[in-house]
Amino acid sequence: MSDIADSKSPYASTPEVEAKGVSQGIEHAHDYDLNKEAKLGDYKADAIEAENAEYNMGVLEAVRAYPMASFWAFIMSFCIIMESYDVFLMGNFVALPAFVNKFGVPYFDVKTGKEGLVIATKWQSALQVSGQLGALIGVFLAGPLTSRIGYRWATITGLMLLNAFIFIFYFANSLPVIFVAQLLEGIPWGIFIANAPAYCSEIVPLRLRAPATQMLQMFWAIGSIIVGAVTYRYNGLLTEQAYKVPIALQWMFPTPLAILMFCAPESPWWLVRKGRLEEAAHAVGRLGRRSRLNPAETVAMMRRTVELEKSTKEPNHLELFKGTDLYRTMIVCCVYLAQNLTGNLIANQAVYFFTQSGVGTNLAFALGLITSGLQMIFVMLSWILTSYLGRRTIYLWGSGFNVLLLVCLGIAGSVAVTTASNLAVASLGLIISVLFTLGPAPASWVIIGETSAIRLRPLTTGMGRAAYYIIEIPCIFLGSYMLNPTGGNLAGKCGYVWGATGFVCLVAAYFYLPEMKGRSYREIDILFKRKVPARQWTKTHVDIEADE
């Protein structure tokens, strides 16, 4: 650690601080109030300068000023590929002929009048929730782990665990073993998905928070593209290599990413929370061009915000459900769980949805690949929309249009079964899956990254993702039952169900989701503490001098 007792340092220790035994960086900030020995006014002027500088930056200027912040956000977001890859992999495996021939059970197809094979409904659902069960464990581990050792080392730990767990999946020869392998793989996924939005939102300046966190949705789409391409290539092969090769390809990611994360800077916000101010300034310098920014002023801005949330206790999950933090936790949780209640599972099970809509296997895999490619393009378009139109605006309009399309899907699935109606259902499924990534999905990641208090961020994002998995598990069973020919066999009529749940989420968001576009973390803290109604945020001014 750098010696912050250096007299040349802007964070030089005072004799009083040294007397408290914390002259080497105030390593336990939760036991020591950063402002007891140094009055807020000592660094408030620098904090205001840094905040004004971020306000006055345009998006392109912010990219030029913080080029490495964008790069490291890109690397952290890349970790999401692994969860996306495996979620879509299991969704595609239930439609992959070689996998079905190996693990399927006989059933009579009333549409064709022939007997075929299908993965039993209970195992189809179990395999798709196994990873989520593991991730549910992982997100609860991520918060305390990250709060203690930081984003970098928590992520590296997850990557190394994933390397080991892939071996179990690769050599599995029965559905129960595959279930266990997926559950174990899910644990590091939970760490990645809890840390990524928090880390990305903390290392970039205000103007880049939207595109940095929305990259997570882009990498989710990239994971599905890789899966779509691989399974499309092997769907005609009837040997075990058709599913063994896609499993083995998972080893492409963890080791290179672990090396890169080792080289990455820790979040300066996390370092400030720990009182390691010199290291925080060094991290800021690594994230941006030193000629364009003042690390000391940026750290002062962070100190000012951390001071608003000061506490003498180690962050814990109980705090998420007290005072204004309860409202913030509920926003994160509800935005996360809404992803599963607004038709997102149609995208996750796209290939299987297409096959059950009467489309041939080859065309179903091709449509799945096309869907994933379009999703990536639309996520990039959403960067522009969310940056300039706002999070709430995009989320509400996107959700409303999504509900309308889901009802149309239900109508298309209710008419007589013909080639035209099958194509209509498949087309609407594709459109819903793609447009979801233009509005609600990418906006969700920005909201998740911005809403929580800095001090509780690792715990809040973990809790939010836990809510996602808790609602996703029954939704997967429901979705599989609705689509499976041995279950509800609803095909496009599932649009009615997801349209109804999506409408409830839309109404809740209208009343309770605030607009955080252009707000610093200090302003967000203050507006929550003032209990400003969600629809009044855009009309409420927070003075640059205000601390409460």
Protein backbone atom coordinates (compact mmCIF):
# COMPACT_ATOMS: atom_id res chain seq x y z
CA MET A 1 0.00 0.00 0.00
CA SER A 2 1.15 3.54 -0.71
CA ASP A 3 2.28 5.50 2.32
CA ILE A 4 -0.39 8.15 2.79
CA ALA A 5 1.60 9.70 5.58
CA ASP A 6 3.80 11.23 2.86
CA SER A 7 3.71 14.97 3.46
CA LYS A 8 3.31 15.59 -0.25
CA SER A 9 0.15 13.53 -0.43
CA PRO A 10 -3.23 15.27 -0.50
CA TYR A 11 -4.27 12.60 2.03
CA ALA A 12 -1.38 13.08 4.46
CA SER A 13 -2.19 11.77 7.93
CA THR A 14 -2.58 14.15 10.85
CA PRO A 15 -0.98 13.39 14.22
CA GLU A 16 -4.46 12.67 15.56
CA VAL A 17 -5.10 10.10 12.85
CA GLU A 18 -1.73 8.44 13.49
CA ALA A 19 -2.59 8.27 17.17
CA LYS A 20 -5.59 6.17 16.23
CA GLY A 21 -3.32 3.67 14.55
CA VAL A 22 -4.64 4.16 11.05
CA SER A 23 -1.81 6.10 9.42
CA GLN A 24 -1.33 3.40 6.77
CA GLY A 25 -4.57 4.07 4.94
CA ILE A 26 -7.48 3.82 7.41
CA GLU A 27 -7.97 0.23 6.30
CA HIS A 28 -11.09 -0.33 8.37
CA ALA A 29 -13.26 2.59 7.35
CA HIS A 30 -16.35 1.04 8.91
CA ASP A 31 -14.68 1.35 12.32
CA TYR A 32 -13.46 4.87 11.74
CA ASP A 33 -15.35 7.93 10.52
CA LEU A 34 -13.40 9.44 7.62
CA ASN A 35 -14.54 12.89 8.65
CA LYS A 36 -13.83 12.88 12.39
CA GLU A 37 -10.31 14.21 11.98
CA ALA A 38 -10.69 16.10 8.71
CA LYS A 39 -13.63 18.46 8.41
CA LEU A 40 -15.84 18.07 5.37
CA GLY A 41 -14.90 21.55 4.23
CA ASP A 42 -11.28 20.44 3.84
CA TYR A 43 -12.15 18.55 0.68
CA LYS A 44 -15.66 19.72 -0.23
CA ALA A 45 -14.35 22.33 -2.68
CA ASP A 46 -12.40 19.64 -4.56
CA ALA A 47 -15.46 17.37 -4.49
CA ILE A 48 -17.61 20.09 -6.07
CA GLU A 49 -14.98 20.70 -8.75
CA ALA A 50 -14.91 17.01 -9.67
CA GLU A 51 -18.70 16.71 -9.72
CA ASN A 52 -19.04 19.80 -11.93
CA ALA A 53 -16.38 18.39 -14.27
CA GLU A 54 -18.42 15.20 -14.71
CA TYR A 55 -21.62 17.18 -15.32
CA ASN A 56 -19.91 19.24 -18.03
CA MET A 57 -18.52 16.21 -19.90
CA GLY A 58 -20.27 14.94 -22.99
CA VAL A 59 -20.38 11.22 -23.72
CA LEU A 60 -17.53 11.29 -26.25
CA GLU A 61 -15.46 13.56 -24.03
CA ALA A 62 -15.98 11.15 -21.15
CA VAL A 63 -14.73 8.27 -23.31
CA ARG A 64 -11.62 10.25 -24.21
CA ALA A 65 -11.01 11.22 -20.59
CA TYR A 66 -11.59 7.69 -19.22
CA PRO A 67 -10.52 5.27 -21.98
CA MET A 68 -9.31 2.55 -19.61
CA ALA A 69 -12.47 2.75 -17.52
CA SER A 70 -14.42 1.79 -20.63
CA PHE A 71 -11.97 -1.03 -21.31
CA TRP A 72 -12.14 -2.52 -17.80
CA ALA A 73 -15.94 -2.23 -17.79
CA PHE A 74 -15.82 -4.18 -21.06
CA ILE A 75 -13.68 -6.90 -19.45
CA MET A 76 -15.89 -7.24 -16.37
CA SER A 77 -19.01 -7.36 -18.56
CA PHE A 78 -17.40 -10.16 -20.56
CA CYS A 79 -17.83 -12.43 -17.51
CA ILE A 80 -21.58 -12.37 -18.15
CA ILE A 81 -21.01 -14.33 -21.36
CA MET A 82 -20.50 -17.47 -19.29
CA GLU A 83 -23.89 -17.37 -17.59
CA SER A 84 -25.59 -16.36 -20.83
CA TYR A 85 -23.78 -19.11 -22.73
CA ASP A 86 -24.89 -21.81 -20.35
CA VAL A 87 -28.47 -20.57 -19.92
CA PHE A 88 -28.99 -20.61 -23.68
CA LEU A 89 -27.02 -23.84 -24.00
CA MET A 90 -29.46 -25.71 -21.78
CA GLY A 91 -32.37 -24.06 -23.59
CA ASN A 92 -30.95 -25.30 -26.91
CA PHE A 93 -30.01 -28.75 -25.62
CA VAL A 94 -33.68 -29.66 -25.02
CA ALA A 95 -34.19 -29.15 -28.77
CA LEU A 96 -30.83 -30.66 -29.90
CA PRO A 97 -31.49 -34.06 -31.58
CA ALA A 98 -28.34 -35.77 -30.22
CA PHE A 99 -29.07 -34.64 -26.65
CA VAL A 100 -32.73 -35.67 -26.94
CA ASN A 101 -31.76 -39.08 -28.37
CA LYS A 102 -29.41 -39.63 -25.43
CA PHE A 103 -31.60 -38.42 -22.58
CA GLY A 104 -35.15 -38.21 -24.03
CA VAL A 105 -38.28 -40.25 -23.31
CA PRO A 106 -40.88 -41.45 -25.88
CA TYR A 107 -44.07 -39.48 -26.49
CA PHE A 108 -46.82 -39.45 -29.12
CA ASP A 109 -46.91 -36.26 -31.23
CA VAL A 110 -50.58 -35.49 -31.90
CA LYS A 111 -49.64 -32.96 -34.59
CA THR A 112 -47.70 -35.45 -36.76
CA GLY A 113 -49.35 -38.65 -35.56
CA LYS A 114 -45.92 -40.17 -34.91
CA GLU A 115 -44.00 -41.28 -31.86
CA GLY A 116 -40.89 -39.28 -30.98
CA LEU A 117 -38.49 -38.43 -28.18
CA VAL A 118 -38.56 -35.44 -25.85
CA ILE A 119 -36.76 -34.42 -22.67
CA ALA A 120 -39.28 -35.08 -19.88
CA THR A 121 -40.93 -31.89 -18.62
CA LYS A 122 -39.61 -32.32 -15.07
CA TRP A 123 -36.01 -32.71 -16.30
CA GLN A 124 -36.36 -29.97 -18.90
CA SER A 125 -37.34 -27.57 -16.13
CA ALA A 126 -34.85 -28.98 -13.61
CA LEU A 127 -31.89 -28.57 -15.97
CA GLN A 128 -32.81 -24.99 -16.72
CA VAL A 129 -33.22 -24.05 -13.04
CA SER A 130 -30.15 -25.91 -11.77
CA GLY A 131 -27.76 -23.13 -12.77
CA GLN A 132 -30.12 -20.54 -11.31
CA LEU A 133 -30.22 -22.41 -7.99
CA GLY A 134 -26.42 -22.30 -7.88
CA ALA A 135 -26.39 -18.64 -8.88
CA LEU A 136 -28.86 -17.90 -6.09
CA ILE A 137 -26.25 -19.24 -3.67
CA GLY A 138 -23.54 -17.29 -5.48
CA VAL A 139 -25.25 -13.90 -5.26
CA PHE A 140 -25.66 -14.23 -1.50
CA LEU A 141 -21.96 -15.11 -1.22
CA ALA A 142 -20.94 -12.28 -3.56
CA GLY A 143 -22.03 -9.37 -1.35
CA PRO A 144 -20.07 -10.24 1.83
CA LEU A 145 -17.15 -11.61 -0.23
CA THR A 146 -16.85 -8.49 -2.37
CA SER A 147 -17.31 -6.15 0.59
CA ARG A 148 -14.37 -7.89 2.25
CA ILE A 149 -11.86 -8.60 -0.56
CA GLY A 150 -13.00 -6.33 -3.40
CA TYR A 151 -14.48 -6.79 -6.86
CA ARG A 152 -11.27 -8.03 -8.50
CA TRP A 153 -10.44 -10.89 -6.16
CA ALA A 154 -14.06 -11.97 -5.79
CA THR A 155 -14.35 -12.22 -9.58
CA ILE A 156 -11.02 -14.05 -9.96
CA THR A 157 -12.13 -16.56 -7.31
CA GLY A 158 -15.33 -17.20 -9.26
CA LEU A 159 -13.47 -17.69 -12.54
CA MET A 160 -11.14 -20.29 -11.05
CA LEU A 161 -14.05 -22.19 -9.49
CA LEU A 162 -15.83 -22.20 -12.84
CA ASN A 163 -12.82 -23.81 -14.53
CA ALA A 164 -13.10 -26.73 -12.12
CA PHE A 165 -16.88 -27.14 -12.32
CA ILE A 166 -16.91 -27.35 -16.14
CA PHE A 167 -15.08 -30.68 -15.83
CA ILE A 168 -18.08 -32.20 -14.04
CA PHE A 169 -20.46 -30.99 -16.76
CA TYR A 170 -18.26 -32.27 -19.57
CA PHE A 171 -17.92 -35.80 -18.19
CA ALA A 172 -21.56 -36.12 -17.01
CA ASN A 173 -23.41 -39.12 -18.45
CA SER A 174 -26.80 -38.73 -16.77
CA LEU A 175 -29.32 -35.98 -16.21
CA PRO A 176 -28.84 -35.98 -12.39
CA VAL A 177 -25.08 -35.40 -12.78
CA ILE A 178 -25.72 -32.65 -15.33
CA PHE A 179 -28.10 -31.09 -12.80
CA VAL A 180 -25.39 -31.08 -10.10
CA ALA A 181 -22.76 -29.74 -12.53
CA GLN A 182 -25.04 -26.88 -13.54
CA LEU A 183 -25.82 -26.08 -9.91
CA LEU A 184 -22.10 -25.83 -9.09
CA GLU A 185 -21.38 -23.72 -12.18
CA GLY A 186 -24.13 -21.38 -11.08
CA ILE A 187 -22.26 -20.36 -7.91
CA PRO A 188 -19.56 -18.36 -9.76
CA TRP A 189 -22.21 -17.03 -12.16
CA GLY A 190 -23.90 -15.48 -9.14
CA ILE A 191 -20.66 -13.74 -8.20
CA PHE A 192 -20.21 -12.35 -11.73
CA ILE A 193 -23.78 -11.14 -12.14
CA ALA A 194 -23.81 -9.47 -8.72
CA ASN A 195 -20.45 -7.73 -9.18
CA ALA A 196 -20.53 -6.72 -12.83
CA PRO A 197 -23.20 -3.97 -12.78
CA ALA A 198 -21.81 -2.54 -9.54
CA TYR A 199 -18.18 -2.50 -10.72
CA CYS A 200 -19.06 -1.08 -14.15
CA SER A 201 -21.14 1.73 -12.67
CA GLU A 202 -18.42 2.63 -10.15
CA ILE A 203 -15.38 2.88 -12.42
CA VAL A 204 -16.83 5.15 -15.12
CA PRO A 205 -17.85 8.84 -14.96
CA LEU A 206 -21.49 9.92 -14.84
CA ARG A 207 -22.01 10.18 -18.63
CA LEU A 208 -20.77 6.63 -19.24
CA ARG A 209 -22.82 4.84 -16.58
CA ALA A 210 -25.58 3.92 -19.05
CA PRO A 211 -23.43 2.44 -21.87
CA ALA A 212 -21.02 0.79 -19.39
CA THR A 213 -23.76 -1.10 -17.56
CA GLN A 214 -25.73 -1.81 -20.74
CA MET A 215 -22.74 -3.70 -22.08
CA LEU A 216 -23.89 -6.48 -19.76
CA GLN A 217 -26.98 -7.00 -21.93
CA MET A 218 -24.81 -6.94 -25.06
CA PHE A 219 -22.58 -9.69 -23.69
CA TRP A 220 -25.66 -11.65 -22.70
CA ALA A 221 -26.63 -11.49 -26.37
CA ILE A 222 -23.09 -12.43 -27.47
CA GLY A 223 -23.23 -15.52 -25.26
CA SER A 224 -26.44 -16.57 -26.97
CA ILE A 225 -24.90 -15.90 -30.40
CA ILE A 226 -21.99 -18.22 -29.66
CA VAL A 227 -24.37 -20.90 -28.40
CA GLY A 228 -26.66 -20.42 -31.39
CA ALA A 229 -23.79 -20.70 -33.85
CA VAL A 230 -22.30 -23.79 -32.18
CA THR A 231 -25.58 -25.67 -31.73
CA TYR A 232 -26.70 -24.72 -35.26
CA ARG A 233 -23.43 -26.19 -36.54
CA TYR A 234 -23.89 -29.43 -34.57
CA ASN A 235 -27.67 -29.89 -34.56
CA GLY A 236 -27.46 -32.31 -37.51
CA LEU A 237 -24.82 -34.48 -35.78
CA LEU A 238 -26.31 -37.40 -33.83
CA THR A 239 -23.22 -38.37 -31.80
CA GLU A 240 -22.40 -37.12 -28.30
CA GLN A 241 -19.94 -34.62 -29.81
CA ALA A 242 -22.97 -32.51 -30.75
CA TYR A 243 -23.34 -31.52 -27.10
CA LYS A 244 -19.84 -32.29 -25.74
CA VAL A 245 -18.13 -29.70 -27.96
CA PRO A 246 -20.43 -26.83 -26.87
CA ILE A 247 -19.79 -27.78 -23.23
CA ALA A 248 -16.01 -27.84 -23.73
CA LEU A 249 -16.05 -24.40 -25.36
CA GLN A 250 -16.84 -22.93 -21.95
CA TRP A 251 -13.16 -23.32 -21.08
CA MET A 252 -12.37 -20.54 -23.58
CA PHE A 253 -13.33 -17.85 -21.11
CA PRO A 254 -12.33 -18.22 -17.42
CA THR A 255 -8.50 -18.30 -17.52
CA PRO A 256 -7.93 -15.35 -19.91
CA LEU A 257 -10.51 -13.31 -18.01
CA ALA A 258 -8.88 -14.15 -14.66
CA ILE A 259 -5.52 -12.90 -15.99
CA LEU A 260 -7.11 -9.67 -17.21
CA MET A 261 -9.00 -9.12 -13.95
CA PHE A 262 -5.74 -9.58 -12.05
CA CYS A 263 -4.36 -6.64 -14.05
CA ALA A 264 -7.51 -4.53 -13.61
CA PRO A 265 -7.73 -1.70 -11.05
CA GLU A 266 -9.99 -2.12 -8.05
CA SER A 267 -13.08 0.09 -7.92
CA PRO A 268 -11.96 3.44 -6.44
CA TRP A 269 -15.33 3.69 -4.68
CA TRP A 270 -14.64 0.40 -2.89
CA LEU A 271 -11.18 1.65 -1.92
CA VAL A 272 -12.62 4.90 -0.57
CA ARG A 273 -15.16 2.93 1.46
CA LYS A 274 -12.20 1.08 2.98
CA GLY A 275 -10.37 4.35 3.63
CA ARG A 276 -7.54 3.47 1.23
CA LEU A 277 -7.48 6.91 -0.33
CA GLU A 278 -4.03 6.86 -1.96
CA GLU A 279 -4.89 3.58 -3.67
CA ALA A 280 -8.20 5.06 -4.78
CA ALA A 281 -6.42 8.03 -6.36
CA HIS A 282 -4.01 5.65 -8.10
CA ALA A 283 -6.96 3.60 -9.41
CA VAL A 284 -8.63 6.76 -10.76
CA GLY A 285 -5.38 7.62 -12.53
CA ARG A 286 -5.32 4.16 -14.14
CA LEU A 287 -8.92 4.54 -15.32
CA GLY A 288 -8.47 7.90 -17.04
CA ARG A 289 -5.96 10.17 -18.71
CA ARG A 290 -4.07 12.05 -16.00
CA SER A 291 -3.76 15.04 -18.30
CA ARG A 292 -7.59 15.34 -18.42
CA LEU A 293 -8.53 14.72 -14.78
CA ASN A 294 -7.48 15.38 -11.21
CA PRO A 295 -7.49 12.11 -9.21
CA ALA A 296 -7.36 13.98 -5.88
CA GLU A 297 -10.54 15.91 -6.71
CA THR A 298 -12.28 12.75 -7.94
CA VAL A 299 -11.45 10.93 -4.70
CA ALA A 300 -12.69 13.96 -2.76
CA MET A 301 -16.02 13.66 -4.58
CA MET A 302 -16.18 9.99 -3.62
CA ARG A 303 -15.32 10.79 0.02
CA ARG A 304 -18.13 13.33 0.12
CA THR A 305 -20.69 10.75 -1.05
CA VAL A 306 -19.35 8.03 1.22
CA GLU A 307 -19.58 10.51 4.10
CA LEU A 308 -23.32 10.91 3.42
CA GLU A 309 -23.71 7.16 3.98
CA LYS A 310 -21.30 6.95 6.93
CA SER A 311 -21.82 4.12 9.38
CA THR A 312 -19.80 2.51 12.13
CA LYS A 313 -21.00 -0.98 11.18
CA GLU A 314 -19.85 -3.50 8.61
CA PRO A 315 -22.46 -3.58 5.78
CA ASN A 316 -24.96 -6.40 6.24
CA HIS A 317 -28.06 -7.71 4.49
CA LEU A 318 -30.43 -6.48 7.23
CA GLU A 319 -29.61 -2.87 6.36
CA LEU A 320 -31.09 -3.40 2.90
CA PHE A 321 -34.54 -3.54 4.48
CA LYS A 322 -34.35 -0.47 6.71
CA GLY A 323 -35.34 3.14 6.02
CA THR A 324 -34.82 4.53 2.54
CA ASP A 325 -32.53 1.60 1.69
CA LEU A 326 -35.65 -0.60 1.67
CA TYR A 327 -37.11 1.48 -1.18
CA ARG A 328 -33.83 1.28 -3.08
CA THR A 329 -33.59 -2.46 -2.54
CA MET A 330 -37.19 -2.93 -3.74
CA ILE A 331 -36.49 -1.00 -6.95
CA VAL A 332 -33.45 -3.17 -7.73
CA CYS A 333 -35.30 -6.39 -6.86
CA CYS A 334 -38.44 -5.49 -8.83
CA VAL A 335 -36.53 -4.39 -11.93
CA TYR A 336 -34.62 -7.66 -11.82
CA LEU A 337 -37.64 -9.92 -11.31
CA ALA A 338 -39.62 -8.03 -13.97
CA GLN A 339 -37.19 -9.40 -16.57
CA ASN A 340 -38.74 -12.83 -15.98
CA LEU A 341 -42.32 -11.59 -15.92
CA THR A 342 -42.32 -9.71 -19.22
CA GLY A 343 -41.58 -12.47 -21.71
CA ASN A 344 -37.80 -12.66 -21.31
CA LEU A 345 -38.08 -16.46 -20.97
CA ILE A 346 -39.29 -16.58 -24.57
CA ALA A 347 -35.87 -15.21 -25.56
CA ASN A 348 -34.04 -17.65 -23.26
CA GLN A 349 -35.96 -20.58 -24.75
CA ALA A 350 -36.15 -19.15 -28.27
CA VAL A 351 -35.12 -22.27 -30.20
CA TYR A 352 -37.46 -24.52 -28.22
CA PHE A 353 -40.24 -21.91 -28.58
CA PHE A 354 -39.78 -21.92 -32.34
CA THR A 355 -39.85 -25.73 -32.59
CA GLN A 356 -43.04 -25.90 -30.50
CA SER A 357 -44.57 -23.23 -32.73
CA GLY A 358 -44.42 -25.66 -35.66
CA VAL A 359 -41.13 -24.49 -37.22
CA GLY A 360 -38.64 -27.13 -38.46
CA THR A 361 -35.54 -27.87 -36.38
CA ASN A 362 -33.01 -26.31 -38.78
CA LEU A 363 -35.12 -23.18 -39.23
CA ALA A 364 -35.66 -22.97 -35.46
CA PHE A 365 -31.91 -22.97 -34.79
CA ALA A 366 -31.37 -20.44 -37.60
CA LEU A 367 -34.08 -18.16 -36.16
CA GLY A 368 -32.49 -18.51 -32.71
CA LEU A 369 -29.16 -17.37 -34.13
CA ILE A 370 -30.79 -14.47 -35.98
CA THR A 371 -32.57 -13.44 -32.78
CA SER A 372 -29.30 -13.34 -30.85
CA GLY A 373 -27.55 -11.31 -33.56
CA LEU A 374 -30.36 -8.75 -33.69
CA GLN A 375 -30.37 -8.52 -29.90
CA MET A 376 -26.73 -7.45 -29.88
CA ILE A 377 -27.41 -4.75 -32.48
CA PHE A 378 -30.45 -3.44 -30.62
CA VAL A 379 -28.54 -3.31 -27.32
CA MET A 380 -26.01 -1.00 -28.97
CA LEU A 381 -28.86 1.19 -30.22
CA SER A 382 -30.20 1.31 -26.67
CA TRP A 383 -26.94 2.99 -25.55
CA ILE A 384 -27.98 6.08 -27.46
CA LEU A 385 -31.61 6.01 -26.36
CA THR A 386 -30.89 5.51 -22.67
CA SER A 387 -28.08 8.08 -22.60
CA TYR A 388 -30.24 10.83 -24.09
CA LEU A 389 -33.86 9.90 -23.28
CA GLY A 390 -33.38 8.53 -19.78
CA ARG A 391 -33.82 5.23 -17.98
CA ARG A 392 -37.41 5.61 -16.80
CA THR A 393 -38.64 6.81 -20.20
CA ILE A 394 -37.10 3.92 -22.11
CA TYR A 395 -38.14 1.37 -19.49
CA LEU A 396 -41.80 2.45 -19.42
CA TRP A 397 -42.31 2.82 -23.17
CA GLY A 398 -40.40 -0.37 -23.90
CA SER A 399 -42.39 -2.33 -21.32
CA GLY A 400 -45.69 -0.98 -22.63
CA PHE A 401 -44.88 -1.95 -26.22
CA ASN A 402 -43.67 -5.35 -25.01
CA VAL A 403 -47.00 -6.04 -23.27
CA LEU A 404 -48.88 -5.14 -26.46
CA LEU A 405 -46.76 -7.54 -28.53
CA LEU A 406 -47.25 -10.35 -25.99
CA VAL A 407 -51.02 -9.99 -26.28
CA CYS A 408 -50.67 -10.11 -30.09
CA LEU A 409 -48.62 -13.29 -29.68
CA GLY A 410 -51.42 -14.83 -27.65
CA ILE A 411 -53.96 -13.92 -30.33
CA ALA A 412 -51.75 -15.41 -33.08
CA GLY A 413 -51.43 -18.60 -31.06
CA SER A 414 -55.20 -18.85 -30.60
CA VAL A 415 -56.19 -19.12 -34.27
CA ALA A 416 -56.36 -22.34 -36.28
CA VAL A 417 -52.99 -24.06 -36.76
CA THR A 418 -51.72 -23.39 -40.29
CA THR A 419 -48.33 -22.70 -41.83
CA ALA A 420 -49.17 -18.98 -41.81
CA SER A 421 -50.19 -18.95 -38.14
CA ASN A 422 -47.06 -20.91 -37.18
CA LEU A 423 -44.88 -18.37 -38.97
CA ALA A 424 -46.81 -15.51 -37.34
CA VAL A 425 -46.22 -16.97 -33.87
CA ALA A 426 -42.53 -17.56 -34.60
CA SER A 427 -42.13 -14.05 -36.03
CA LEU A 428 -43.79 -12.40 -33.04
CA GLY A 429 -41.62 -14.48 -30.69
CA LEU A 430 -38.55 -13.23 -32.53
CA ILE A 431 -39.73 -9.60 -32.46
CA ILE A 432 -40.53 -9.74 -28.74
CA SER A 433 -37.13 -11.26 -27.96
CA VAL A 434 -35.33 -8.59 -30.00
CA LEU A 435 -37.26 -5.49 -28.92
CA PHE A 436 -36.93 -6.51 -25.27
CA THR A 437 -33.20 -5.77 -25.67
CA LEU A 438 -33.90 -2.28 -27.03
CA GLY A 439 -35.89 -1.02 -24.04
CA PRO A 440 -36.55 -2.79 -20.73
CA ALA A 441 -33.57 -5.17 -20.61
CA PRO A 442 -30.64 -2.73 -21.08
CA ALA A 443 -32.36 0.03 -19.11
CA SER A 444 -32.70 -2.46 -16.23
CA TRP A 445 -28.93 -2.84 -15.93
CA VAL A 446 -28.44 0.93 -15.69
CA ILE A 447 -31.14 1.24 -13.02
CA ILE A 448 -29.63 -1.65 -11.05
CA GLY A 449 -26.16 -0.09 -11.16
CA GLU A 450 -27.32 3.39 -10.09
CA THR A 451 -30.04 2.82 -7.51
CA SER A 452 -28.27 1.29 -4.52
CA ALA A 453 -26.30 3.20 -1.89
CA ILE A 454 -22.54 3.10 -2.51
CA ARG A 455 -21.85 1.48 0.85
CA LEU A 456 -24.41 -1.31 0.29
CA ARG A 457 -23.96 -1.72 -3.47
CA PRO A 458 -22.41 -5.24 -3.54
CA LEU A 459 -25.13 -6.47 -1.17
CA THR A 460 -27.97 -4.72 -3.01
CA THR A 461 -27.03 -5.98 -6.48
CA GLY A 462 -26.65 -9.46 -5.02
CA MET A 463 -30.07 -9.28 -3.36
CA GLY A 464 -31.62 -7.99 -6.57
CA ARG A 465 -30.20 -10.85 -8.58
CA ALA A 466 -31.41 -13.25 -5.88
CA ALA A 467 -34.93 -11.90 -6.46
CA TYR A 468 -34.40 -12.55 -10.17
CA TYR A 469 -33.53 -16.20 -9.57
CA ILE A 470 -36.28 -16.73 -6.98
CA ILE A 471 -38.94 -15.64 -9.47
CA GLU A 472 -37.16 -17.18 -12.47
CA ILE A 473 -37.19 -20.72 -11.06
CA PRO A 474 -41.00 -21.06 -10.91
CA CYS A 475 -41.28 -19.12 -14.18
CA ILE A 476 -38.99 -21.63 -15.90
CA PHE A 477 -41.18 -24.48 -14.69
CA LEU A 478 -44.25 -22.57 -15.84
CA GLY A 479 -42.68 -21.62 -19.18
CA SER A 480 -41.50 -25.18 -19.85
CA TYR A 481 -44.93 -26.56 -18.91
CA MET A 482 -46.68 -24.09 -21.22
CA LEU A 483 -44.48 -24.97 -24.21
CA ASN A 484 -43.86 -28.69 -23.69
CA PRO A 485 -46.13 -31.02 -25.73
CA THR A 486 -46.40 -33.30 -22.68
CA GLY A 487 -47.48 -30.28 -20.59
CA GLY A 488 -49.75 -27.36 -21.48
CA ASN A 489 -48.77 -27.31 -25.16
CA LEU A 490 -49.80 -23.63 -25.39
CA ALA A 491 -47.14 -22.43 -27.87
CA GLY A 492 -48.00 -18.81 -28.76
CA LYS A 493 -50.89 -18.63 -26.28
CA CYS A 494 -48.28 -18.22 -23.52
CA GLY A 495 -48.29 -14.57 -24.65
CA TYR A 496 -51.48 -14.01 -22.66
CA VAL A 497 -49.77 -15.14 -19.44
CA TRP A 498 -46.62 -13.08 -19.89
CA GLY A 499 -48.66 -10.10 -21.13
CA ALA A 500 -50.67 -10.09 -17.89
CA THR A 501 -47.62 -10.28 -15.61
CA GLY A 502 -45.82 -7.71 -17.76
CA PHE A 503 -48.71 -5.26 -17.35
CA VAL A 504 -48.49 -5.51 -13.55
CA CYS A 505 -44.75 -4.74 -13.73
CA LEU A 506 -45.43 -1.76 -16.02
CA VAL A 507 -47.93 -0.22 -13.60
CA ALA A 508 -45.56 -0.68 -10.64
CA ALA A 509 -42.69 0.93 -12.56
CA TYR A 510 -44.85 3.93 -13.51
CA PHE A 511 -45.51 4.78 -9.87
CA TYR A 512 -42.25 3.81 -8.19
CA LEU A 513 -39.33 4.01 -10.65
CA PRO A 514 -37.48 7.37 -10.55
CA GLU A 515 -35.43 8.90 -13.37
CA MET A 516 -31.74 8.92 -12.41
CA LYS A 517 -30.32 10.14 -15.72
CA GLY A 518 -27.71 12.87 -15.19
CA ARG A 519 -27.70 12.49 -11.40
CA SER A 520 -24.50 12.04 -9.40
CA TYR A 521 -24.46 9.41 -6.67
CA ARG A 522 -24.58 12.26 -4.13
CA GLU A 523 -27.78 13.61 -5.68
CA ILE A 524 -29.34 10.14 -5.83
CA ASP A 525 -28.58 9.64 -2.12
CA ILE A 526 -30.12 13.00 -1.25
CA LEU A 527 -33.28 12.50 -3.33
CA PHE A 528 -33.91 9.12 -1.73
CA LYS A 529 -33.34 10.54 1.75
CA ARG A 530 -35.75 13.41 1.00
CA LYS A 531 -38.33 10.79 -0.11
CA VAL A 532 -39.05 12.65 -3.35
CA PRO A 533 -41.84 10.80 -5.26
CA ALA A 534 -40.54 8.90 -8.30
CA ARG A 535 -42.46 11.02 -10.84
CA GLN A 536 -41.07 14.24 -9.33
CA TRP A 537 -37.36 13.46 -9.66
CA THR A 538 -36.91 15.23 -12.99
CA LYS A 539 -38.52 18.39 -11.54
CA THR A 540 -36.45 18.44 -8.34
CA HIS A 541 -33.26 20.50 -8.12
CA VAL A 542 -30.43 19.47 -5.79
CA ASP A 543 -27.94 22.23 -5.04
CA ILE A 544 -24.29 21.41 -5.68
CA GLU A 545 -23.52 22.54 -2.11
CA ALA A 546 -26.18 20.31 -0.51
CA ASP A 547 -25.12 17.37 1.64
CA GLU A 548 -28.59 16.29 2.83
